[in-house]
Amino acid sequence: MSENKTQPTHIPPDSFLAAVEPERRRAEAVELDTLFRRVTGWQPRMWGPSMIGYGQYHYRYERGREGDFLATGFSPRKARHSIYILPGYEDHSAILARLGRHARGKSCLYVTRLEDIDLDVLAELIEAGVRNLSRKYEVTPT
């Protein structure tokens, strides 16, 4: 079986955040970090070169593939933030309808500017996503 390409690293998340460009994206990334720490109660950990994760879980698929991955988190991409909070086991459409301007991928949200969304609703979504994930897998703090 192949190993998950995205692995935890020893890069300090604060060092990564300090290097995010442009400055507006960096300030928003710091704001997201503060929100994720507050909502989860967990310390951040870098996964790969650009994903900041909070908590982790071990998965095992029926076909035998297994590995570890972040429970929730984000990546401050150049064009928009990728926010990893939708494990896909439950319908969160009622919360998403109140979030504000975003796009949705298979297991993440894309947000261009934090001012376009309601951060209290994002906090609610983070909590719901972690709660939903923990029903299927054991989620451990980082």
C-alpha atoms as a PDB file:
ATOM      1  CA  MET A   1       0.000   0.000   0.000  1.00  0.00           C
ATOM      2  CA  SER A   2       1.183   3.488  -0.756  1.00  0.00           C
ATOM      3  CA  GLU A   3       1.721   5.923   2.080  1.00  0.00           C
ATOM      4  CA  ASN A   4      -0.278   9.121   2.445  1.00  0.00           C
ATOM      5  CA  LYS A   5       1.658  11.876   0.656  1.00  0.00           C
ATOM      6  CA  THR A   6       0.762  14.469   3.277  1.00  0.00           C
ATOM      7  CA  GLN A   7       2.709  13.722   6.443  1.00  0.00           C
ATOM      8  CA  PRO A   8       3.300  15.722   9.640  1.00  0.00           C
ATOM      9  CA  THR A   9       6.496  17.777   9.596  1.00  0.00           C
ATOM     10  CA  HIS A  10       8.708  19.434  12.187  1.00  0.00           C
ATOM     11  CA  ILE A  11       8.217  22.909  10.700  1.00  0.00           C
ATOM     12  CA  PRO A  12       7.025  25.249  13.476  1.00  0.00           C
ATOM     13  CA  PRO A  13       3.554  26.532  12.480  1.00  0.00           C
ATOM     14  CA  ASP A  14       4.400  30.029  13.766  1.00  0.00           C
ATOM     15  CA  SER A  15       7.423  30.165  11.432  1.00  0.00           C
ATOM     16  CA  PHE A  16       5.279  29.073   8.509  1.00  0.00           C
ATOM     17  CA  LEU A  17       2.610  31.674   9.323  1.00  0.00           C
ATOM     18  CA  ALA A  18       5.215  34.439   9.601  1.00  0.00           C
ATOM     19  CA  ALA A  19       6.306  33.729   6.023  1.00  0.00           C
ATOM     20  CA  VAL A  20       2.846  33.720   4.387  1.00  0.00           C
ATOM     21  CA  GLU A  21       2.537  36.301   1.607  1.00  0.00           C
ATOM     22  CA  PRO A  22       0.964  38.700   0.917  1.00  0.00           C
ATOM     23  CA  GLU A  23       0.610  40.478   4.243  1.00  0.00           C
ATOM     24  CA  ARG A  24      -3.221  40.453   4.168  1.00  0.00           C
ATOM     25  CA  ARG A  25      -3.214  36.669   3.653  1.00  0.00           C
ATOM     26  CA  ARG A  26      -0.721  36.317   6.548  1.00  0.00           C
ATOM     27  CA  ALA A  27      -2.942  38.363   8.903  1.00  0.00           C
ATOM     28  CA  GLU A  28      -5.955  36.244   7.957  1.00  0.00           C
ATOM     29  CA  ALA A  29      -3.945  33.037   8.467  1.00  0.00           C
ATOM     30  CA  VAL A  30      -2.987  34.181  11.967  1.00  0.00           C
ATOM     31  CA  GLU A  31      -6.663  34.941  12.627  1.00  0.00           C
ATOM     32  CA  LEU A  32      -7.640  31.451  11.428  1.00  0.00           C
ATOM     33  CA  ASP A  33      -4.936  29.900  13.615  1.00  0.00           C
ATOM     34  CA  THR A  34      -6.325  31.739  16.647  1.00  0.00           C
ATOM     35  CA  LEU A  35      -9.853  30.571  15.799  1.00  0.00           C
ATOM     36  CA  PHE A  36      -8.864  26.924  15.304  1.00  0.00           C
ATOM     37  CA  ARG A  37      -6.850  26.897  18.561  1.00  0.00           C
ATOM     38  CA  ARG A  38      -9.774  28.401  20.480  1.00  0.00           C
ATOM     39  CA  VAL A  39     -12.431  26.119  19.003  1.00  0.00           C
ATOM     40  CA  THR A  40     -10.474  22.841  19.181  1.00  0.00           C
ATOM     41  CA  GLY A  41      -8.286  23.532  22.205  1.00  0.00           C
ATOM     42  CA  TRP A  42      -5.416  21.901  20.279  1.00  0.00           C
ATOM     43  CA  GLN A  43      -2.014  23.157  19.225  1.00  0.00           C
ATOM     44  CA  PRO A  44      -1.291  23.378  15.495  1.00  0.00           C
ATOM     45  CA  ARG A  45       1.009  21.033  13.624  1.00  0.00           C
ATOM     46  CA  MET A  46       2.264  21.358  10.074  1.00  0.00           C
ATOM     47  CA  TRP A  47       1.244  18.669   7.598  1.00  0.00           C
ATOM     48  CA  GLY A  48       3.303  18.779   4.436  1.00  0.00           C
ATOM     49  CA  PRO A  49       4.747  22.134   3.455  1.00  0.00           C
ATOM     50  CA  SER A  50       1.590  24.255   3.777  1.00  0.00           C
ATOM     51  CA  MET A  51      -1.244  22.661   5.775  1.00  0.00           C
ATOM     52  CA  ILE A  52      -1.798  23.573   9.422  1.00  0.00           C
ATOM     53  CA  GLY A  53      -3.656  20.837  11.277  1.00  0.00           C
ATOM     54  CA  TYR A  54      -5.361  20.604  14.651  1.00  0.00           C
ATOM     55  CA  GLY A  55      -5.821  17.118  16.029  1.00  0.00           C
ATOM     56  CA  GLN A  56      -5.346  13.964  14.016  1.00  0.00           C
ATOM     57  CA  TYR A  57      -6.917  10.582  13.389  1.00  0.00           C
ATOM     58  CA  HIS A  58      -5.902   7.205  12.059  1.00  0.00           C
ATOM     59  CA  TYR A  59      -7.977   5.881   9.166  1.00  0.00           C
ATOM     60  CA  ARG A  60      -8.212   2.402   7.720  1.00  0.00           C
ATOM     61  CA  TYR A  61     -10.184   1.779   4.528  1.00  0.00           C
ATOM     62  CA  GLU A  62     -11.853  -1.532   3.652  1.00  0.00           C
ATOM     63  CA  ARG A  63      -9.261  -2.186   0.940  1.00  0.00           C
ATOM     64  CA  GLY A  64      -6.462  -2.000   3.506  1.00  0.00           C
ATOM     65  CA  ARG A  65      -5.071   1.488   2.952  1.00  0.00           C
ATOM     66  CA  GLU A  66      -4.446   3.255   6.235  1.00  0.00           C
ATOM     67  CA  GLY A  67      -2.676   6.271   7.595  1.00  0.00           C
ATOM     68  CA  ASP A  68      -2.889   9.366   9.750  1.00  0.00           C
ATOM     69  CA  PHE A  69      -4.295  12.742   8.804  1.00  0.00           C
ATOM     70  CA  LEU A  70      -5.201  16.067  10.366  1.00  0.00           C
ATOM     71  CA  ALA A  71      -8.632  16.234  11.988  1.00  0.00           C
ATOM     72  CA  THR A  72      -9.249  19.817  10.930  1.00  0.00           C
ATOM     73  CA  GLY A  73      -7.175  22.748   9.726  1.00  0.00           C
ATOM     74  CA  PHE A  74      -6.397  25.104   6.901  1.00  0.00           C
ATOM     75  CA  SER A  75      -3.867  26.183   4.326  1.00  0.00           C
ATOM     76  CA  PRO A  76      -3.370  29.833   3.393  1.00  0.00           C
ATOM     77  CA  ARG A  77      -3.034  29.385  -0.378  1.00  0.00           C
ATOM     78  CA  LYS A  78      -2.078  32.253  -2.639  1.00  0.00           C
ATOM     79  CA  ALA A  79      -5.540  32.845  -4.132  1.00  0.00           C
ATOM     80  CA  ARG A  80      -7.713  31.716  -1.221  1.00  0.00           C
ATOM     81  CA  HIS A  81      -7.701  29.812   2.045  1.00  0.00           C
ATOM     82  CA  SER A  82      -8.417  26.091   1.947  1.00  0.00           C
ATOM     83  CA  ILE A  83     -10.241  25.120   5.135  1.00  0.00           C
ATOM     84  CA  TYR A  84     -10.382  21.407   5.979  1.00  0.00           C
ATOM     85  CA  ILE A  85     -13.471  20.841   8.120  1.00  0.00           C
ATOM     86  CA  LEU A  86     -15.897  18.679   6.153  1.00  0.00           C
ATOM     87  CA  PRO A  87     -15.241  14.980   6.707  1.00  0.00           C
ATOM     88  CA  GLY A  88     -18.210  14.181   4.458  1.00  0.00           C
ATOM     89  CA  TYR A  89     -20.150  11.897   6.802  1.00  0.00           C
ATOM     90  CA  GLU A  90     -22.916  14.352   7.612  1.00  0.00           C
ATOM     91  CA  ASP A  91     -24.833  17.083   5.806  1.00  0.00           C
ATOM     92  CA  HIS A  92     -23.710  20.503   7.048  1.00  0.00           C
ATOM     93  CA  SER A  93     -25.728  22.473   4.492  1.00  0.00           C
ATOM     94  CA  ALA A  94     -27.755  24.352   7.138  1.00  0.00           C
ATOM     95  CA  ILE A  95     -24.567  25.727   8.696  1.00  0.00           C
ATOM     96  CA  LEU A  96     -22.957  26.379   5.309  1.00  0.00           C
ATOM     97  CA  ALA A  97     -26.009  28.410   4.254  1.00  0.00           C
ATOM     98  CA  ARG A  98     -25.204  30.878   7.068  1.00  0.00           C
ATOM     99  CA  LEU A  99     -21.430  30.993   6.501  1.00  0.00           C
ATOM    100  CA  GLY A 100     -21.187  33.599   3.784  1.00  0.00           C
ATOM    101  CA  ARG A 101     -19.283  33.643   0.513  1.00  0.00           C
ATOM    102  CA  HIS A 102     -17.337  30.425  -0.029  1.00  0.00           C
ATOM    103  CA  ALA A 103     -16.780  27.628  -2.513  1.00  0.00           C
ATOM    104  CA  ARG A 104     -16.850  23.989  -1.586  1.00  0.00           C
ATOM    105  CA  GLY A 105     -14.583  21.133  -2.548  1.00  0.00           C
ATOM    106  CA  LYS A 106     -14.998  17.460  -1.702  1.00  0.00           C
ATOM    107  CA  SER A 107     -13.743  17.815   1.886  1.00  0.00           C
ATOM    108  CA  CYS A 108     -12.864  21.464   2.221  1.00  0.00           C
ATOM    109  CA  LEU A 109     -14.049  25.017   1.855  1.00  0.00           C
ATOM    110  CA  TYR A 110     -12.395  27.762  -0.140  1.00  0.00           C
ATOM    111  CA  VAL A 111     -12.590  31.300   1.203  1.00  0.00           C
ATOM    112  CA  THR A 112     -11.034  34.246  -0.601  1.00  0.00           C
ATOM    113  CA  ARG A 113     -11.334  36.760   2.263  1.00  0.00           C
ATOM    114  CA  LEU A 114     -12.292  36.203   5.877  1.00  0.00           C
ATOM    115  CA  GLU A 115     -14.382  39.378   5.786  1.00  0.00           C
ATOM    116  CA  ASP A 116     -16.716  37.515   3.383  1.00  0.00           C
ATOM    117  CA  ILE A 117     -17.714  34.930   6.009  1.00  0.00           C
ATOM    118  CA  ASP A 118     -19.157  34.855   9.512  1.00  0.00           C
ATOM    119  CA  LEU A 119     -16.367  33.600  11.793  1.00  0.00           C
ATOM    120  CA  ASP A 120     -18.835  32.520  14.484  1.00  0.00           C
ATOM    121  CA  VAL A 121     -20.491  30.258  11.912  1.00  0.00           C
ATOM    122  CA  LEU A 122     -17.060  28.983  10.850  1.00  0.00           C
ATOM    123  CA  ALA A 123     -16.371  28.119  14.510  1.00  0.00           C
ATOM    124  CA  GLU A 124     -19.672  26.225  14.643  1.00  0.00           C
ATOM    125  CA  LEU A 125     -18.706  24.369  11.460  1.00  0.00           C
ATOM    126  CA  ILE A 126     -15.272  23.428  12.842  1.00  0.00           C
ATOM    127  CA  GLU A 127     -16.925  21.997  15.973  1.00  0.00           C
ATOM    128  CA  ALA A 128     -19.507  20.092  13.905  1.00  0.00           C
ATOM    129  CA  GLY A 129     -16.830  18.702  11.570  1.00  0.00           C
ATOM    130  CA  VAL A 130     -14.613  17.438  14.394  1.00  0.00           C
ATOM    131  CA  ARG A 131     -17.621  15.992  16.234  1.00  0.00           C
ATOM    132  CA  ASN A 132     -18.734  14.255  13.035  1.00  0.00           C
ATOM    133  CA  LEU A 133     -15.246  12.888  12.317  1.00  0.00           C
ATOM    134  CA  SER A 134     -14.891  11.590  15.884  1.00  0.00           C
ATOM    135  CA  ARG A 135     -18.019   9.457  15.433  1.00  0.00           C
ATOM    136  CA  LYS A 136     -16.163   7.439  12.804  1.00  0.00           C
ATOM    137  CA  TYR A 137     -12.531   7.628  13.979  1.00  0.00           C
ATOM    138  CA  GLU A 138     -10.689   8.245  17.221  1.00  0.00           C
ATOM    139  CA  VAL A 139      -9.536  11.856  17.044  1.00  0.00           C
ATOM    140  CA  THR A 140      -6.529  12.738  19.185  1.00  0.00           C
ATOM    141  CA  PRO A 141      -5.233  16.194  20.115  1.00  0.00           C
ATOM    142  CA  THR A 142      -2.008  17.632  18.752  1.00  0.00           C
END
